[in-house]
């Protein structure tokens, strides 16, 4: 009997430990402050109430939500889960968000709660991935909006025709002075500078392979504005 117990203990000691579930994380091309704000907004948008947060350590914890079970007021029993997000700066303009999900069984009698942790399978991370996907979508929508603004600004800046007509029609004065003092020309230059400023800001956040194809909206907007506001004569 003693020999059998020793063999069992030896087998247990040599058996490999069960691998821990890998944390679900994603890195975004944005500073930590911006990602922190977006992460909070996404949690609230998805119905997660924030229980605690600490900006100094980059942690956001949510209240628990029911997964399944029943609630009869004075008595409740079922599984619940809560999320913990860690927002850490990977570099000056890159931030990593890690999402951890805790699942537990809760039995409540009157006001007394009894919680027991429930292990999560290493391949069951749909909730965590959905949070990260929602954060990424909000960033993509934000970038797409700025691409649209940049394209619109660039489209208007490409057609300072009104200013050129005024400068060309004037007979007196220096052409350079007339050009620099013409409000339409000044507006066109200002809009063109704004376009390049927004464009460079977008390139600092996203890859050029993603931003450059979106700027083709510029040509569509130019064609629309030309037919509406600058019809050919």
Foldseek 3Di string as FASTA:
>chain_A
DVVVVVVVVVCVVPDDDDDDADWDKDKFQAALVVLLVLLVVLCVVVPWAWDDDDVVQQKTKTDKDFPDWDDPPQKTKGKIKIKMWGWAAPDRGMIMITIDMWMWIWIHHRHDIDIGTDDDDNPPCPVVVVSVVSSVVVVVVVLLVLLVVLLLLLLLLVDLPVLVVVLVPDDDDDSVVSQVPRPSNVSSVVSNVVSVVSLVVSVSRDPCVVSVVSSVVSVVSNVVCCVVPPDDD
